[in-house]
PDB file of all heavy atoms in Angstrom:
ATOM      1  N   LYS A   1      69.927 279.800 125.868  1.00  0.00           N
ATOM      2  CA  LYS A   1      69.029 279.372 126.938  1.00  0.00           C
ATOM      3  C   LYS A   1      67.672 280.009 126.699  1.00  0.00           C
ATOM      4  O   LYS A   1      67.586 281.155 126.246  1.00  0.00           O
ATOM      5  CB  LYS A   1      69.579 279.809 128.293  1.00  0.00           C
ATOM      6  CG  LYS A   1      70.829 279.080 128.679  1.00  0.00           C
ATOM      7  CD  LYS A   1      71.277 279.482 130.057  1.00  0.00           C
ATOM      8  CE  LYS A   1      72.517 278.702 130.436  1.00  0.00           C
ATOM      9  NZ  LYS A   1      72.990 279.061 131.763  1.00  0.00           N
ATOM     10  N   PRO A   2      66.584 279.294 127.019  1.00  0.00           N
ATOM     11  CA  PRO A   2      65.256 279.888 126.847  1.00  0.00           C
ATOM     12  C   PRO A   2      65.073 281.032 127.842  1.00  0.00           C
ATOM     13  O   PRO A   2      65.687 281.030 128.910  1.00  0.00           O
ATOM     14  CB  PRO A   2      64.297 278.731 127.126  1.00  0.00           C
ATOM     15  CG  PRO A   2      65.090 277.765 127.926  1.00  0.00           C
ATOM     16  CD  PRO A   2      66.523 277.929 127.522  1.00  0.00           C
ATOM     17  N   PRO A   3      64.250 282.012 127.514  1.00  0.00           N
ATOM     18  CA  PRO A   3      64.028 283.108 128.454  1.00  0.00           C
ATOM     19  C   PRO A   3      63.364 282.589 129.721  1.00  0.00           C
ATOM     20  O   PRO A   3      62.565 281.648 129.689  1.00  0.00           O
ATOM     21  CB  PRO A   3      63.111 284.069 127.690  1.00  0.00           C
ATOM     22  CG  PRO A   3      62.479 283.242 126.624  1.00  0.00           C
ATOM     23  CD  PRO A   3      63.453 282.139 126.300  1.00  0.00           C
ATOM     24  N   ALA A   4      63.721 283.204 130.838  1.00  0.00           N
ATOM     25  CA  ALA A   4      63.135 282.798 132.117  1.00  0.00           C
ATOM     26  C   ALA A   4      61.668 283.206 132.158  1.00  0.00           C
ATOM     27  O   ALA A   4      61.302 284.295 131.724  1.00  0.00           O
ATOM     28  CB  ALA A   4      63.904 283.423 133.265  1.00  0.00           C
ATOM     29  N   LYS A   5      60.833 282.324 132.669  1.00  0.00           N
ATOM     30  CA  LYS A   5      59.407 282.616 132.789  1.00  0.00           C
ATOM     31  C   LYS A   5      59.164 283.293 134.140  1.00  0.00           C
ATOM     32  O   LYS A   5      59.728 282.871 135.149  1.00  0.00           O
ATOM     33  CB  LYS A   5      58.590 281.322 132.766  1.00  0.00           C
ATOM     34  CG  LYS A   5      58.637 280.570 131.490  1.00  0.00           C
ATOM     35  CD  LYS A   5      57.749 279.346 131.632  1.00  0.00           C
ATOM     36  CE  LYS A   5      58.060 278.309 130.599  1.00  0.00           C
ATOM     37  NZ  LYS A   5      57.308 277.099 130.794  1.00  0.00           N
ATOM     38  N   PRO A   6      58.326 284.316 134.156  1.00  0.00           N
ATOM     39  CA  PRO A   6      57.965 284.872 135.460  1.00  0.00           C
ATOM     40  C   PRO A   6      57.151 283.838 136.234  1.00  0.00           C
ATOM     41  O   PRO A   6      56.291 283.165 135.682  1.00  0.00           O
ATOM     42  CB  PRO A   6      57.127 286.109 135.118  1.00  0.00           C
ATOM     43  CG  PRO A   6      56.772 285.984 133.685  1.00  0.00           C
ATOM     44  CD  PRO A   6      57.706 284.993 133.057  1.00  0.00           C
ATOM     45  N   ARG A   7      57.472 283.672 137.505  1.00  0.00           N
ATOM     46  CA  ARG A   7      56.789 282.642 138.304  1.00  0.00           C
ATOM     47  C   ARG A   7      56.128 283.265 139.514  1.00  0.00           C
ATOM     48  O   ARG A   7      56.647 284.195 140.112  1.00  0.00           O
ATOM     49  CB  ARG A   7      57.799 281.601 138.781  1.00  0.00           C
ATOM     50  CG  ARG A   7      58.456 280.858 137.656  1.00  0.00           C
ATOM     51  CD  ARG A   7      59.615 280.033 138.111  1.00  0.00           C
ATOM     52  NE  ARG A   7      59.242 279.065 139.115  1.00  0.00           N
ATOM     53  CZ  ARG A   7      60.072 278.242 139.717  1.00  0.00           C
ATOM     54  NH1 ARG A   7      61.333 278.259 139.419  1.00  0.00           N
ATOM     55  NH2 ARG A   7      59.660 277.394 140.627  1.00  0.00           N
ATOM     56  N   GLU A   8      54.999 282.722 139.844  1.00  0.00           N
ATOM     57  CA  GLU A   8      54.357 283.096 141.100  1.00  0.00           C
ATOM     58  C   GLU A   8      54.954 282.211 142.179  1.00  0.00           C
ATOM     59  O   GLU A   8      55.403 281.103 141.911  1.00  0.00           O
ATOM     60  CB  GLU A   8      52.851 282.847 141.013  1.00  0.00           C
ATOM     61  CG  GLU A   8      52.155 283.710 139.983  1.00  0.00           C
ATOM     62  CD  GLU A   8      50.681 283.374 139.890  1.00  0.00           C
ATOM     63  OE1 GLU A   8      50.154 282.700 140.800  1.00  0.00           O
ATOM     64  OE2 GLU A   8      50.068 283.780 138.908  1.00  0.00           O
ATOM     65  N   ASP A   9      54.968 282.683 143.391  1.00  0.00           N
ATOM     66  CA  ASP A   9      55.520 281.892 144.482  1.00  0.00           C
ATOM     67  C   ASP A   9      54.532 280.784 144.831  1.00  0.00           C
ATOM     68  O   ASP A   9      53.488 281.038 145.421  1.00  0.00           O
ATOM     69  CB  ASP A   9      55.794 282.769 145.704  1.00  0.00           C
ATOM     70  CG  ASP A   9      56.484 282.004 146.814  1.00  0.00           C
ATOM     71  OD1 ASP A   9      56.970 280.879 146.552  1.00  0.00           O
ATOM     72  OD2 ASP A   9      56.544 282.522 147.934  1.00  0.00           O
ATOM     73  N   PRO A  10      54.837 279.531 144.462  1.00  0.00           N
ATOM     74  CA  PRO A  10      53.898 278.439 144.720  1.00  0.00           C
ATOM     75  C   PRO A  10      53.980 277.902 146.144  1.00  0.00           C
ATOM     76  O   PRO A  10      53.272 276.977 146.493  1.00  0.00           O
ATOM     77  CB  PRO A  10      54.335 277.366 143.727  1.00  0.00           C
ATOM     78  CG  PRO A  10      55.799 277.609 143.564  1.00  0.00           C
ATOM     79  CD  PRO A  10      56.002 279.088 143.726  1.00  0.00           C
ATOM     80  N   GLY A  11      54.856 278.457 146.950  1.00  0.00           N
ATOM     81  CA  GLY A  11      55.008 277.954 148.311  1.00  0.00           C
ATOM     82  C   GLY A  11      56.072 276.877 148.355  1.00  0.00           C
ATOM     83  O   GLY A  11      56.902 276.752 147.454  1.00  0.00           O
ATOM     84  N   PRO A  12      56.075 276.069 149.418  1.00  0.00           N
ATOM     85  CA  PRO A  12      57.117 275.037 149.531  1.00  0.00           C
ATOM     86  C   PRO A  12      57.032 274.025 148.390  1.00  0.00           C
ATOM     87  O   PRO A  12      55.954 273.614 147.981  1.00  0.00           O
ATOM     88  CB  PRO A  12      56.835 274.358 150.869  1.00  0.00           C
ATOM     89  CG  PRO A  12      55.674 275.061 151.472  1.00  0.00           C
ATOM     90  CD  PRO A  12      55.158 276.076 150.524  1.00  0.00           C
ATOM     91  N   GLN A  13      58.181 273.666 147.878  1.00  0.00           N
ATOM     92  CA  GLN A  13      58.265 272.715 146.771  1.00  0.00           C
ATOM     93  C   GLN A  13      58.697 271.351 147.292  1.00  0.00           C
ATOM     94  O   GLN A  13      59.487 271.261 148.234  1.00  0.00           O
ATOM     95  CB  GLN A  13      59.291 273.193 145.737  1.00  0.00           C
ATOM     96  CG  GLN A  13      58.896 274.481 145.036  1.00  0.00           C
ATOM     97  CD  GLN A  13      57.716 274.257 144.119  1.00  0.00           C
ATOM     98  OE1 GLN A  13      57.668 273.285 143.396  1.00  0.00           O
ATOM     99  NE2 GLN A  13      56.753 275.161 144.159  1.00  0.00           N
ATOM    100  N   PRO A  14      58.202 270.280 146.682  1.00  0.00           N
ATOM    101  CA  PRO A  14      58.686 268.954 147.076  1.00  0.00           C
ATOM    102  C   PRO A  14      60.154 268.813 146.668  1.00  0.00           C
ATOM    103  O   PRO A  14      60.620 269.505 145.757  1.00  0.00           O
ATOM    104  CB  PRO A  14      57.796 267.990 146.277  1.00  0.00           C
ATOM    105  CG  PRO A  14      57.292 268.803 145.134  1.00  0.00           C
ATOM    106  CD  PRO A  14      57.223 270.227 145.622  1.00  0.00           C
ATOM    107  N   PRO A  15      60.883 267.930 147.333  1.00  0.00           N
ATOM    108  CA  PRO A  15      62.294 267.759 146.962  1.00  0.00           C
ATOM    109  C   PRO A  15      62.412 267.257 145.525  1.00  0.00           C
ATOM    110  O   PRO A  15      61.534 266.558 145.014  1.00  0.00           O
ATOM    111  CB  PRO A  15      62.809 266.713 147.952  1.00  0.00           C
ATOM    112  CG  PRO A  15      61.594 266.041 148.482  1.00  0.00           C
ATOM    113  CD  PRO A  15      60.472 267.031 148.377  1.00  0.00           C
ATOM    114  N   GLU A  16      63.503 267.641 144.885  1.00  0.00           N
ATOM    115  CA  GLU A  16      63.723 267.220 143.508  1.00  0.00           C
ATOM    116  C   GLU A  16      63.993 265.721 143.461  1.00  0.00           C
ATOM    117  O   GLU A  16      64.647 265.181 144.355  1.00  0.00           O
ATOM    118  CB  GLU A  16      64.898 267.988 142.903  1.00  0.00           C
ATOM    119  CG  GLU A  16      64.594 269.457 142.766  1.00  0.00           C
ATOM    120  CD  GLU A  16      65.333 270.065 141.609  1.00  0.00           C
ATOM    121  OE1 GLU A  16      65.852 269.325 140.753  1.00  0.00           O
ATOM    122  OE2 GLU A  16      65.378 271.293 141.567  1.00  0.00           O
ATOM    123  N   PRO A  17      63.487 265.051 142.428  1.00  0.00           N
ATOM    124  CA  PRO A  17      63.737 263.605 142.330  1.00  0.00           C
ATOM    125  C   PRO A  17      65.220 263.349 142.072  1.00  0.00           C
ATOM    126  O   PRO A  17      65.922 264.197 141.523  1.00  0.00           O
ATOM    127  CB  PRO A  17      62.896 263.166 141.132  1.00  0.00           C
ATOM    128  CG  PRO A  17      62.687 264.404 140.333  1.00  0.00           C
ATOM    129  CD  PRO A  17      62.712 265.549 141.310  1.00  0.00           C
ATOM    130  N   PRO A  18      65.703 262.173 142.465  1.00  0.00           N
ATOM    131  CA  PRO A  18      67.117 261.868 142.227  1.00  0.00           C
ATOM    132  C   PRO A  18      67.403 261.757 140.730  1.00  0.00           C
ATOM    133  O   PRO A  18      66.503 261.525 139.929  1.00  0.00           O
ATOM    134  CB  PRO A  18      67.319 260.520 142.929  1.00  0.00           C
ATOM    135  CG  PRO A  18      65.959 259.923 143.006  1.00  0.00           C
ATOM    136  CD  PRO A  18      65.002 261.080 143.094  1.00  0.00           C
ATOM    137  N   GLU A  19      68.664 261.958 140.370  1.00  0.00           N
ATOM    138  CA  GLU A  19      69.072 261.834 138.976  1.00  0.00           C
ATOM    139  C   GLU A  19      68.755 260.431 138.475  1.00  0.00           C
ATOM    140  O   GLU A  19      68.999 259.448 139.176  1.00  0.00           O
ATOM    141  CB  GLU A  19      70.578 262.069 138.844  1.00  0.00           C
ATOM    142  CG  GLU A  19      70.999 263.500 139.105  1.00  0.00           C
ATOM    143  CD  GLU A  19      70.906 264.342 137.857  1.00  0.00           C
ATOM    144  OE1 GLU A  19      71.052 263.789 136.757  1.00  0.00           O
ATOM    145  OE2 GLU A  19      70.669 265.546 138.007  1.00  0.00           O
ATOM    146  N   PRO A  20      68.213 260.321 137.251  1.00  0.00           N
ATOM    147  CA  PRO A  20      67.963 258.975 136.724  1.00  0.00           C
ATOM    148  C   PRO A  20      69.294 258.291 136.440  1.00  0.00           C
ATOM    149  O   PRO A  20      70.303 258.951 136.196  1.00  0.00           O
ATOM    150  CB  PRO A  20      67.198 259.233 135.426  1.00  0.00           C
ATOM    151  CG  PRO A  20      67.538 260.629 135.048  1.00  0.00           C
ATOM    152  CD  PRO A  20      67.829 261.358 136.322  1.00  0.00           C
ATOM    153  N   PRO A  21      69.300 256.962 136.478  1.00  0.00           N
ATOM    154  CA  PRO A  21      70.555 256.272 136.176  1.00  0.00           C
ATOM    155  C   PRO A  21      70.950 256.510 134.724  1.00  0.00           C
ATOM    156  O   PRO A  21      70.127 256.862 133.885  1.00  0.00           O
ATOM    157  CB  PRO A  21      70.214 254.796 136.420  1.00  0.00           C
ATOM    158  CG  PRO A  21      68.731 254.722 136.302  1.00  0.00           C
ATOM    159  CD  PRO A  21      68.204 256.054 136.734  1.00  0.00           C
ATOM    160  N   GLU A  22      72.219 256.326 134.469  1.00  0.00           N
ATOM    161  CA  GLU A  22      72.743 256.502 133.115  1.00  0.00           C
ATOM    162  C   GLU A  22      72.001 255.565 132.168  1.00  0.00           C
ATOM    163  O   GLU A  22      71.903 254.375 132.422  1.00  0.00           O
ATOM    164  CB  GLU A  22      74.231 256.166 133.137  1.00  0.00           C
ATOM    165  CG  GLU A  22      74.922 256.275 131.823  1.00  0.00           C
ATOM    166  CD  GLU A  22      76.383 255.903 131.972  1.00  0.00           C
ATOM    167  OE1 GLU A  22      77.143 256.711 132.512  1.00  0.00           O
ATOM    168  OE2 GLU A  22      76.732 254.789 131.552  1.00  0.00           O
ATOM    169  N   PRO A  23      71.445 256.110 131.051  1.00  0.00           N
ATOM    170  CA  PRO A  23      70.721 255.239 130.132  1.00  0.00           C
ATOM    171  C   PRO A  23      71.651 254.214 129.482  1.00  0.00           C
ATOM    172  O   PRO A  23      72.776 254.523 129.138  1.00  0.00           O
ATOM    173  CB  PRO A  23      70.157 256.180 129.079  1.00  0.00           C
ATOM    174  CG  PRO A  23      70.578 257.548 129.440  1.00  0.00           C
ATOM    175  CD  PRO A  23      71.446 257.489 130.638  1.00  0.00           C
ATOM    176  N   VAL A  24      71.156 252.989 129.355  1.00  0.00           N
ATOM    177  CA  VAL A  24      71.919 251.933 128.702  1.00  0.00           C
ATOM    178  C   VAL A  24      71.069 251.391 127.562  1.00  0.00           C
ATOM    179  O   VAL A  24      69.901 251.070 127.737  1.00  0.00           O
ATOM    180  CB  VAL A  24      72.270 250.800 129.688  1.00  0.00           C
ATOM    181  CG1 VAL A  24      73.007 249.688 128.980  1.00  0.00           C
ATOM    182  CG2 VAL A  24      73.086 251.332 130.846  1.00  0.00           C
ATOM    183  N   ILE A  25      71.667 251.314 126.383  1.00  0.00           N
ATOM    184  CA  ILE A  25      70.980 250.790 125.205  1.00  0.00           C
ATOM    185  C   ILE A  25      71.701 249.520 124.796  1.00  0.00           C
ATOM    186  O   ILE A  25      72.924 249.491 124.736  1.00  0.00           O
ATOM    187  CB  ILE A  25      71.025 251.810 124.049  1.00  0.00           C
ATOM    188  CG1 ILE A  25      70.369 253.116 124.490  1.00  0.00           C
ATOM    189  CG2 ILE A  25      70.361 251.251 122.810  1.00  0.00           C
ATOM    190  CD1 ILE A  25      70.622 254.269 123.552  1.00  0.00           C
ATOM    191  N   SER A  26      70.968 248.454 124.542  1.00  0.00           N
ATOM    192  CA  SER A  26      71.577 247.213 124.074  1.00  0.00           C
ATOM    193  C   SER A  26      71.327 247.087 122.577  1.00  0.00           C
ATOM    194  O   SER A  26      70.200 247.229 122.114  1.00  0.00           O
ATOM    195  CB  SER A  26      70.981 246.010 124.787  1.00  0.00           C
ATOM    196  OG  SER A  26      71.315 246.051 126.156  1.00  0.00           O
ATOM    197  N   ALA A  27      72.408 246.830 121.831  1.00  0.00           N
ATOM    198  CA  ALA A  27      72.292 246.671 120.388  1.00  0.00           C
ATOM    199  C   ALA A  27      73.301 245.642 119.921  1.00  0.00           C
ATOM    200  O   ALA A  27      74.495 245.786 120.172  1.00  0.00           O
ATOM    201  CB  ALA A  27      72.528 248.004 119.688  1.00  0.00           C
ATOM    202  N   GLU A  28      72.814 244.603 119.282  1.00  0.00           N
ATOM    203  CA  GLU A  28      73.661 243.554 118.724  1.00  0.00           C
ATOM    204  C   GLU A  28      74.674 243.020 119.735  1.00  0.00           C
ATOM    205  O   GLU A  28      75.847 242.857 119.446  1.00  0.00           O
ATOM    206  CB  GLU A  28      74.373 244.063 117.467  1.00  0.00           C
ATOM    207  CG  GLU A  28      73.411 244.408 116.353  1.00  0.00           C
ATOM    208  CD  GLU A  28      74.112 244.846 115.085  1.00  0.00           C
ATOM    209  OE1 GLU A  28      75.303 244.564 114.930  1.00  0.00           O
ATOM    210  OE2 GLU A  28      73.441 245.467 114.248  1.00  0.00           O
ATOM    211  N   GLY A  29      74.205 242.807 120.951  1.00  0.00           N
ATOM    212  CA  GLY A  29      75.064 242.223 121.978  1.00  0.00           C
ATOM    213  C   GLY A  29      75.981 243.215 122.673  1.00  0.00           C
ATOM    214  O   GLY A  29      76.765 242.836 123.530  1.00  0.00           O
ATOM    215  N   LEU A  30      75.902 244.501 122.329  1.00  0.00           N
ATOM    216  CA  LEU A  30      76.733 245.515 122.970  1.00  0.00           C
ATOM    217  C   LEU A  30      75.874 246.368 123.879  1.00  0.00           C
ATOM    218  O   LEU A  30      74.721 246.642 123.577  1.00  0.00           O
ATOM    219  CB  LEU A  30      77.387 246.423 121.925  1.00  0.00           C
ATOM    220  CG  LEU A  30      78.369 245.776 120.976  1.00  0.00           C
ATOM    221  CD1 LEU A  30      78.781 246.779 119.906  1.00  0.00           C
ATOM    222  CD2 LEU A  30      79.591 245.283 121.723  1.00  0.00           C
ATOM    223  N   GLU A  31      76.448 246.808 124.995  1.00  0.00           N
ATOM    224  CA  GLU A  31      75.768 247.760 125.862  1.00  0.00           C
ATOM    225  C   GLU A  31      76.309 249.142 125.547  1.00  0.00           C
ATOM    226  O   GLU A  31      77.511 249.362 125.573  1.00  0.00           O
ATOM    227  CB  GLU A  31      76.008 247.436 127.332  1.00  0.00           C
ATOM    228  CG  GLU A  31      75.183 246.287 127.834  1.00  0.00           C
ATOM    229  CD  GLU A  31      75.245 246.179 129.344  1.00  0.00           C
ATOM    230  OE1 GLU A  31      76.015 246.917 129.982  1.00  0.00           O
ATOM    231  OE2 GLU A  31      74.507 245.350 129.880  1.00  0.00           O
ATOM    232  N   ILE A  32      75.418 250.072 125.229  1.00  0.00           N
ATOM    233  CA  ILE A  32      75.804 251.424 124.894  1.00  0.00           C
ATOM    234  C   ILE A  32      75.380 252.317 126.049  1.00  0.00           C
ATOM    235  O   ILE A  32      74.209 252.372 126.399  1.00  0.00           O
ATOM    236  CB  ILE A  32      75.131 251.873 123.580  1.00  0.00           C
ATOM    237  CG1 ILE A  32      75.533 250.915 122.460  1.00  0.00           C
ATOM    238  CG2 ILE A  32      75.474 253.305 123.255  1.00  0.00           C
ATOM    239  CD1 ILE A  32      74.651 250.981 121.262  1.00  0.00           C
ATOM    240  N   HIS A  33      76.346 252.998 126.652  1.00  0.00           N
ATOM    241  CA  HIS A  33      76.085 253.906 127.768  1.00  0.00           C
ATOM    242  C   HIS A  33      76.088 255.329 127.239  1.00  0.00           C
ATOM    243  O   HIS A  33      77.051 255.760 126.622  1.00  0.00           O
ATOM    244  CB  HIS A  33      77.151 253.756 128.853  1.00  0.00           C
ATOM    245  CG  HIS A  33      77.160 252.400 129.464  1.00  0.00           C
ATOM    246  ND1 HIS A  33      76.501 252.114 130.629  1.00  0.00           N
ATOM    247  CD2 HIS A  33      77.732 251.239 129.060  1.00  0.00           C
ATOM    248  CE1 HIS A  33      76.666 250.835 130.920  1.00  0.00           C
ATOM    249  NE2 HIS A  33      77.413 250.283 129.973  1.00  0.00           N
ATOM    250  N   VAL A  34      74.991 256.052 127.488  1.00  0.00           N
ATOM    251  CA  VAL A  34      74.860 257.423 127.027  1.00  0.00           C
ATOM    252  C   VAL A  34      75.263 258.330 128.179  1.00  0.00           C
ATOM    253  O   VAL A  34      74.648 258.312 129.237  1.00  0.00           O
ATOM    254  CB  VAL A  34      73.415 257.726 126.587  1.00  0.00           C
ATOM    255  CG1 VAL A  34      73.283 259.157 126.102  1.00  0.00           C
ATOM    256  CG2 VAL A  34      72.971 256.738 125.525  1.00  0.00           C
ATOM    257  N   THR A  35      76.329 259.114 127.982  1.00  0.00           N
ATOM    258  CA  THR A  35      76.820 260.019 129.026  1.00  0.00           C
ATOM    259  C   THR A  35      77.084 261.399 128.438  1.00  0.00           C
ATOM    260  O   THR A  35      77.099 261.581 127.229  1.00  0.00           O
ATOM    261  CB  THR A  35      78.137 259.503 129.640  1.00  0.00           C
ATOM    262  OG1 THR A  35      79.164 259.608 128.659  1.00  0.00           O
ATOM    263  CG2 THR A  35      78.012 258.065 130.103  1.00  0.00           C
ATOM    264  N   GLU A  36      77.331 262.338 129.316  1.00  0.00           N
ATOM    265  CA  GLU A  36      77.710 263.684 128.908  1.00  0.00           C
ATOM    266  C   GLU A  36      79.229 263.820 128.931  1.00  0.00           C
ATOM    267  O   GLU A  36      79.764 264.912 128.831  1.00  0.00           O
ATOM    268  CB  GLU A  36      77.094 264.712 129.859  1.00  0.00           C
ATOM    269  CG  GLU A  36      75.585 264.751 129.822  1.00  0.00           C
ATOM    270  CD  GLU A  36      75.051 265.278 128.505  1.00  0.00           C
ATOM    271  OE1 GLU A  36      75.700 266.135 127.880  1.00  0.00           O
ATOM    272  OE2 GLU A  36      73.974 264.823 128.093  1.00  0.00           O
ATOM    273  N   ALA A  37      79.955 262.729 129.078  1.00  0.00           N
ATOM    274  CA  ALA A  37      81.402 262.769 129.278  1.00  0.00           C
ATOM    275  C   ALA A  37      82.162 263.275 128.068  1.00  0.00           C
ATOM    276  O   ALA A  37      83.275 263.741 128.195  1.00  0.00           O
ATOM    277  CB  ALA A  37      81.905 261.387 129.677  1.00  0.00           C
ATOM    278  N   GLY A  38      81.635 263.179 126.903  1.00  0.00           N
ATOM    279  CA  GLY A  38      82.344 263.637 125.713  1.00  0.00           C
ATOM    280  C   GLY A  38      81.893 262.866 124.507  1.00  0.00           C
ATOM    281  O   GLY A  38      81.048 261.984 124.585  1.00  0.00           O
ATOM    282  N   ARG A  39      82.488 263.199 123.401  1.00  0.00           N
ATOM    283  CA  ARG A  39      82.099 262.564 122.152  1.00  0.00           C
ATOM    284  C   ARG A  39      83.164 261.564 121.755  1.00  0.00           C
ATOM    285  O   ARG A  39      84.319 261.931 121.516  1.00  0.00           O
ATOM    286  CB  ARG A  39      81.930 263.632 121.080  1.00  0.00           C
ATOM    287  CG  ARG A  39      80.792 264.553 121.397  1.00  0.00           C
ATOM    288  CD  ARG A  39      80.753 265.742 120.514  1.00  0.00           C
ATOM    289  NE  ARG A  39      81.333 265.512 119.222  1.00  0.00           N
ATOM    290  CZ  ARG A  39      80.928 266.069 118.112  1.00  0.00           C
ATOM    291  NH1 ARG A  39      79.931 266.896 118.148  1.00  0.00           N
ATOM    292  NH2 ARG A  39      81.522 265.839 116.963  1.00  0.00           N
ATOM    293  N   SER A  40      82.768 260.319 121.705  1.00  0.00           N
ATOM    294  CA  SER A  40      83.703 259.273 121.295  1.00  0.00           C
ATOM    295  C   SER A  40      82.924 258.161 120.610  1.00  0.00           C
ATOM    296  O   SER A  40      81.707 258.083 120.702  1.00  0.00           O
ATOM    297  CB  SER A  40      84.480 258.729 122.494  1.00  0.00           C
ATOM    298  OG  SER A  40      83.605 258.158 123.432  1.00  0.00           O
ATOM    299  N   ILE A  41      83.674 257.313 119.914  1.00  0.00           N
ATOM    300  CA  ILE A  41      83.100 256.181 119.210  1.00  0.00           C
ATOM    301  C   ILE A  41      83.891 254.951 119.634  1.00  0.00           C
ATOM    302  O   ILE A  41      85.114 255.002 119.721  1.00  0.00           O
ATOM    303  CB  ILE A  41      83.193 256.378 117.681  1.00  0.00           C
ATOM    304  CG1 ILE A  41      82.329 257.578 117.277  1.00  0.00           C
ATOM    305  CG2 ILE A  41      82.780 255.126 116.931  1.00  0.00           C
ATOM    306  CD1 ILE A  41      82.428 257.954 115.835  1.00  0.00           C
ATOM    307  N   VAL A  42      83.190 253.866 119.906  1.00  0.00           N
ATOM    308  CA  VAL A  42      83.874 252.632 120.267  1.00  0.00           C
ATOM    309  C   VAL A  42      84.362 251.973 118.985  1.00  0.00           C
ATOM    310  O   VAL A  42      83.587 251.732 118.064  1.00  0.00           O
ATOM    311  CB  VAL A  42      82.956 251.684 121.064  1.00  0.00           C
ATOM    312  CG1 VAL A  42      83.665 250.380 121.362  1.00  0.00           C
ATOM    313  CG2 VAL A  42      82.503 252.347 122.350  1.00  0.00           C
ATOM    314  N   ALA A  43      85.672 251.713 118.926  1.00  0.00           N
ATOM    315  CA  ALA A  43      86.272 251.112 117.735  1.00  0.00           C
ATOM    316  C   ALA A  43      87.274 250.047 118.161  1.00  0.00           C
ATOM    317  O   ALA A  43      87.711 250.009 119.312  1.00  0.00           O
ATOM    318  CB  ALA A  43      86.959 252.178 116.895  1.00  0.00           C
ATOM    319  N   ASP A  44      87.634 249.197 117.224  1.00  0.00           N
ATOM    320  CA  ASP A  44      88.607 248.136 117.480  1.00  0.00           C
ATOM    321  C   ASP A  44      90.008 248.744 117.473  1.00  0.00           C
ATOM    322  O   ASP A  44      90.470 249.253 116.459  1.00  0.00           O
ATOM    323  CB  ASP A  44      88.479 247.061 116.398  1.00  0.00           C
ATOM    324  CG  ASP A  44      89.433 245.907 116.628  1.00  0.00           C
ATOM    325  OD1 ASP A  44      89.807 245.664 117.793  1.00  0.00           O
ATOM    326  OD2 ASP A  44      89.806 245.252 115.639  1.00  0.00           O
TER     327      ASP A  44
END
């Protein structure tokens, strides 16, 4: 992990943005979903 940076107290922070949707990549007619669920390969 990177070292923690010393921070000044900036006061109240805006709420964090919602998580972005799971990225989807289209390639040769297939939809590829990128997740943190694990390492796998789609095979026949």
